[in-house]
Amino acid sequence: MATLQLQHLDAAAGDVITAAGPLVAYDVTTAAVSYRPDGTLTVEHPGLQLVWSLVDAPADGAVLAAEVDLNGDERLVRCDRVEFPS
């Protein structure tokens, strides 16, 4: 079993985010999603990054973490955004 974790990272442009396995990052400022199968992402724009990654054990500070069974069917990661009027 692997663990899918979510981290909120306040990153500067040029910072490198790494994970032991593949990662998906959502740049909150630009609403851009990046997938990195090698687990390495160089941040292009400063600001909040929501980062999902497959790891053996969750990192300190992970916002969410859940064990997932990777045997069997393919998986899909969706990054939807909903905005409400202020």
N, C-alpha and C. Protein backbone atom coordinates (compact mmCIF):
# COMPACT_ATOMS: atom_id res chain seq x y z
N MET A 1 0.84 -1.18 0.00
CA MET A 1 0.00 0.00 0.00
C MET A 1 0.88 1.24 0.00
N ALA A 2 0.39 2.25 -0.67
CA ALA A 2 1.05 3.55 -0.68
C ALA A 2 0.15 4.55 0.03
N THR A 3 0.68 5.70 0.35
CA THR A 3 -0.09 6.76 0.99
C THR A 3 -0.17 7.94 0.04
N LEU A 4 -1.39 8.42 -0.18
CA LEU A 4 -1.60 9.64 -0.95
C LEU A 4 -1.70 10.77 0.06
N GLN A 5 -0.82 11.75 -0.07
CA GLN A 5 -0.83 12.86 0.87
C GLN A 5 -1.06 14.18 0.15
N LEU A 6 -1.59 15.15 0.89
CA LEU A 6 -1.79 16.51 0.40
C LEU A 6 -1.02 17.44 1.30
N GLN A 7 -0.23 18.33 0.67
CA GLN A 7 0.51 19.34 1.41
C GLN A 7 0.15 20.72 0.85
N HIS A 8 0.10 21.71 1.72
CA HIS A 8 -0.02 23.12 1.32
C HIS A 8 1.38 23.70 1.47
N LEU A 9 1.97 24.13 0.36
CA LEU A 9 3.34 24.66 0.41
C LEU A 9 3.35 26.08 -0.11
N ASP A 10 3.84 27.01 0.70
CA ASP A 10 4.02 28.39 0.28
C ASP A 10 5.41 28.47 -0.35
N ALA A 11 5.46 28.50 -1.67
CA ALA A 11 6.73 28.35 -2.39
C ALA A 11 7.12 29.64 -3.10
N ALA A 12 8.41 29.83 -3.26
CA ALA A 12 8.96 30.94 -4.04
C ALA A 12 9.30 30.43 -5.43
N ALA A 13 9.31 31.33 -6.40
CA ALA A 13 9.72 30.95 -7.76
C ALA A 13 11.14 30.37 -7.69
N GLY A 14 11.32 29.23 -8.33
CA GLY A 14 12.62 28.58 -8.34
C GLY A 14 12.76 27.49 -7.28
N ASP A 15 11.86 27.47 -6.28
CA ASP A 15 11.91 26.40 -5.29
C ASP A 15 11.68 25.06 -5.99
N VAL A 16 12.28 24.02 -5.46
CA VAL A 16 12.11 22.68 -6.01
C VAL A 16 11.34 21.85 -4.99
N ILE A 17 10.22 21.29 -5.43
CA ILE A 17 9.40 20.41 -4.61
C ILE A 17 9.73 18.99 -5.03
N THR A 18 10.02 18.12 -4.06
CA THR A 18 10.35 16.74 -4.39
C THR A 18 9.50 15.78 -3.57
N ALA A 19 9.23 14.64 -4.16
CA ALA A 19 8.52 13.55 -3.49
C ALA A 19 9.17 12.25 -3.91
N ALA A 20 8.99 11.22 -3.11
CA ALA A 20 9.58 9.92 -3.43
C ALA A 20 8.92 9.27 -4.62
N GLY A 21 7.70 9.69 -4.94
CA GLY A 21 6.97 9.14 -6.07
C GLY A 21 6.35 10.25 -6.89
N PRO A 22 5.44 9.91 -7.79
CA PRO A 22 4.82 10.93 -8.64
C PRO A 22 4.08 11.97 -7.82
N LEU A 23 3.99 13.19 -8.37
CA LEU A 23 3.25 14.24 -7.68
C LEU A 23 2.41 15.04 -8.67
N VAL A 24 1.34 15.62 -8.13
CA VAL A 24 0.48 16.54 -8.86
C VAL A 24 0.46 17.82 -8.04
N ALA A 25 0.76 18.95 -8.68
CA ALA A 25 0.77 20.24 -7.98
C ALA A 25 -0.23 21.18 -8.64
N TYR A 26 -0.97 21.88 -7.80
CA TYR A 26 -1.93 22.89 -8.26
C TYR A 26 -1.44 24.23 -7.75
N ASP A 27 -1.11 25.13 -8.69
CA ASP A 27 -0.66 26.48 -8.35
C ASP A 27 -1.92 27.33 -8.16
N VAL A 28 -2.19 27.73 -6.93
CA VAL A 28 -3.42 28.46 -6.61
C VAL A 28 -3.45 29.83 -7.30
N THR A 29 -2.30 30.47 -7.45
CA THR A 29 -2.24 31.80 -8.06
C THR A 29 -2.61 31.77 -9.54
N THR A 30 -2.07 30.79 -10.27
CA THR A 30 -2.29 30.75 -11.72
C THR A 30 -3.34 29.72 -12.14
N ALA A 31 -3.83 28.94 -11.20
CA ALA A 31 -4.79 27.86 -11.48
C ALA A 31 -4.24 26.85 -12.47
N ALA A 32 -2.92 26.64 -12.44
CA ALA A 32 -2.27 25.68 -13.33
C ALA A 32 -1.97 24.39 -12.57
N VAL A 33 -2.12 23.27 -13.26
CA VAL A 33 -1.85 21.96 -12.68
C VAL A 33 -0.64 21.36 -13.38
N SER A 34 0.26 20.77 -12.60
CA SER A 34 1.44 20.10 -13.15
C SER A 34 1.49 18.68 -12.63
N TYR A 35 1.82 17.74 -13.51
CA TYR A 35 2.04 16.35 -13.12
C TYR A 35 3.50 16.02 -13.36
N ARG A 36 4.16 15.47 -12.36
CA ARG A 36 5.56 15.10 -12.49
C ARG A 36 5.73 13.65 -12.05
N PRO A 37 5.83 12.72 -13.00
CA PRO A 37 5.97 11.31 -12.63
C PRO A 37 7.25 11.01 -11.87
N ASP A 38 8.27 11.85 -12.05
CA ASP A 38 9.54 11.62 -11.36
C ASP A 38 9.58 12.24 -9.96
N GLY A 39 8.52 12.96 -9.55
CA GLY A 39 8.44 13.52 -8.21
C GLY A 39 9.23 14.79 -8.00
N THR A 40 9.62 15.49 -9.07
CA THR A 40 10.39 16.73 -8.93
C THR A 40 9.72 17.84 -9.72
N LEU A 41 9.43 18.97 -9.05
CA LEU A 41 8.79 20.11 -9.69
C LEU A 41 9.53 21.38 -9.30
N THR A 42 9.89 22.19 -10.29
CA THR A 42 10.45 23.50 -10.03
C THR A 42 9.31 24.51 -10.12
N VAL A 43 9.09 25.26 -9.06
CA VAL A 43 7.99 26.22 -8.98
C VAL A 43 8.28 27.41 -9.89
N GLU A 44 7.30 27.76 -10.74
CA GLU A 44 7.47 28.88 -11.67
C GLU A 44 6.98 30.21 -11.10
N HIS A 45 5.91 30.17 -10.30
CA HIS A 45 5.32 31.40 -9.75
C HIS A 45 5.25 31.29 -8.23
N PRO A 46 5.57 32.36 -7.51
CA PRO A 46 5.50 32.30 -6.05
C PRO A 46 4.06 32.19 -5.59
N GLY A 47 3.87 31.53 -4.46
CA GLY A 47 2.54 31.43 -3.87
C GLY A 47 2.22 30.03 -3.40
N LEU A 48 0.96 29.83 -3.07
CA LEU A 48 0.51 28.57 -2.52
C LEU A 48 0.45 27.48 -3.58
N GLN A 49 1.04 26.34 -3.26
CA GLN A 49 0.98 25.14 -4.09
C GLN A 49 0.27 24.06 -3.30
N LEU A 50 -0.74 23.44 -3.89
CA LEU A 50 -1.37 22.26 -3.29
C LEU A 50 -0.73 21.06 -3.96
N VAL A 51 -0.07 20.22 -3.19
CA VAL A 51 0.73 19.14 -3.76
C VAL A 51 0.24 17.79 -3.25
N TRP A 52 -0.19 16.94 -4.19
CA TRP A 52 -0.57 15.57 -3.89
C TRP A 52 0.58 14.68 -4.33
N SER A 53 0.95 13.73 -3.48
CA SER A 53 2.04 12.83 -3.85
C SER A 53 1.81 11.45 -3.24
N LEU A 54 2.37 10.45 -3.90
CA LEU A 54 2.34 9.08 -3.40
C LEU A 54 3.64 8.83 -2.64
N VAL A 55 3.51 8.46 -1.38
CA VAL A 55 4.68 8.28 -0.52
C VAL A 55 4.50 7.01 0.32
N ASP A 56 5.58 6.58 0.95
CA ASP A 56 5.50 5.44 1.85
C ASP A 56 4.84 5.83 3.17
N ALA A 57 5.17 7.03 3.67
CA ALA A 57 4.60 7.54 4.92
C ALA A 57 4.40 9.05 4.76
N PRO A 58 3.34 9.60 5.33
CA PRO A 58 3.08 11.03 5.17
C PRO A 58 4.16 11.89 5.82
N ALA A 59 4.42 13.03 5.22
CA ALA A 59 5.40 13.99 5.74
C ALA A 59 4.80 14.74 6.93
N ASP A 60 5.68 15.23 7.79
CA ASP A 60 5.21 16.12 8.86
C ASP A 60 4.55 17.31 8.20
N GLY A 61 3.41 17.71 8.69
CA GLY A 61 2.72 18.85 8.12
C GLY A 61 1.80 18.53 6.97
N ALA A 62 1.66 17.26 6.61
CA ALA A 62 0.71 16.89 5.55
C ALA A 62 -0.70 17.24 6.04
N VAL A 63 -1.48 17.86 5.17
CA VAL A 63 -2.82 18.28 5.54
C VAL A 63 -3.77 17.08 5.58
N LEU A 64 -3.63 16.20 4.61
CA LEU A 64 -4.42 14.97 4.54
C LEU A 64 -3.51 13.83 4.12
N ALA A 65 -3.87 12.63 4.54
CA ALA A 65 -3.12 11.45 4.11
C ALA A 65 -4.05 10.25 4.18
N ALA A 66 -4.00 9.40 3.16
CA ALA A 66 -4.83 8.20 3.13
C ALA A 66 -4.09 7.09 2.41
N GLU A 67 -4.21 5.87 2.93
CA GLU A 67 -3.62 4.73 2.25
C GLU A 67 -4.45 4.40 1.02
N VAL A 68 -3.77 4.06 -0.08
CA VAL A 68 -4.44 3.69 -1.32
C VAL A 68 -3.84 2.40 -1.83
N ASP A 69 -4.69 1.58 -2.44
CA ASP A 69 -4.26 0.33 -3.04
C ASP A 69 -3.98 0.59 -4.51
N LEU A 70 -2.75 0.45 -4.93
CA LEU A 70 -2.37 0.75 -6.31
C LEU A 70 -2.48 -0.46 -7.23
N ASN A 71 -2.86 -1.59 -6.71
CA ASN A 71 -3.03 -2.78 -7.55
C ASN A 71 -4.40 -2.72 -8.21
N GLY A 72 -4.44 -3.03 -9.50
CA GLY A 72 -5.73 -3.07 -10.16
C GLY A 72 -5.94 -1.93 -11.13
N ASP A 73 -7.09 -1.30 -11.03
CA ASP A 73 -7.53 -0.29 -12.00
C ASP A 73 -6.65 0.95 -12.02
N GLU A 74 -6.72 1.68 -13.15
CA GLU A 74 -6.02 2.95 -13.26
C GLU A 74 -6.69 3.99 -12.38
N ARG A 75 -5.97 5.07 -12.08
CA ARG A 75 -6.49 6.14 -11.24
C ARG A 75 -6.55 7.44 -12.02
N LEU A 76 -7.41 8.32 -11.58
CA LEU A 76 -7.58 9.63 -12.19
C LEU A 76 -7.53 10.67 -11.09
N VAL A 77 -6.76 11.73 -11.31
CA VAL A 77 -6.73 12.85 -10.36
C VAL A 77 -7.38 14.04 -11.04
N ARG A 78 -8.40 14.59 -10.39
CA ARG A 78 -9.09 15.77 -10.92
C ARG A 78 -8.74 16.97 -10.05
N CYS A 79 -8.51 18.09 -10.69
CA CYS A 79 -8.26 19.34 -9.97
C CYS A 79 -9.32 20.34 -10.42
N ASP A 80 -10.46 20.29 -9.76
CA ASP A 80 -11.55 21.21 -10.07
C ASP A 80 -11.46 22.42 -9.17
N ARG A 81 -11.95 23.52 -9.66
CA ARG A 81 -11.95 24.75 -8.87
C ARG A 81 -13.35 25.35 -8.91
N VAL A 82 -13.85 25.72 -7.76
CA VAL A 82 -15.16 26.34 -7.65
C VAL A 82 -14.99 27.67 -6.92
N GLU A 83 -15.52 28.72 -7.51
CA GLU A 83 -15.44 30.04 -6.88
C GLU A 83 -16.84 30.53 -6.54
N PHE A 84 -16.95 31.17 -5.39
CA PHE A 84 -18.23 31.70 -4.95
C PHE A 84 -18.17 33.22 -4.95
N PRO A 85 -19.27 33.88 -5.20
CA PRO A 85 -19.26 35.35 -5.17
C PRO A 85 -18.94 35.84 -3.77
N SER A 86 -18.24 36.97 -3.70
CA SER A 86 -17.88 37.50 -2.37
C SER A 86 -18.90 38.47 -1.86
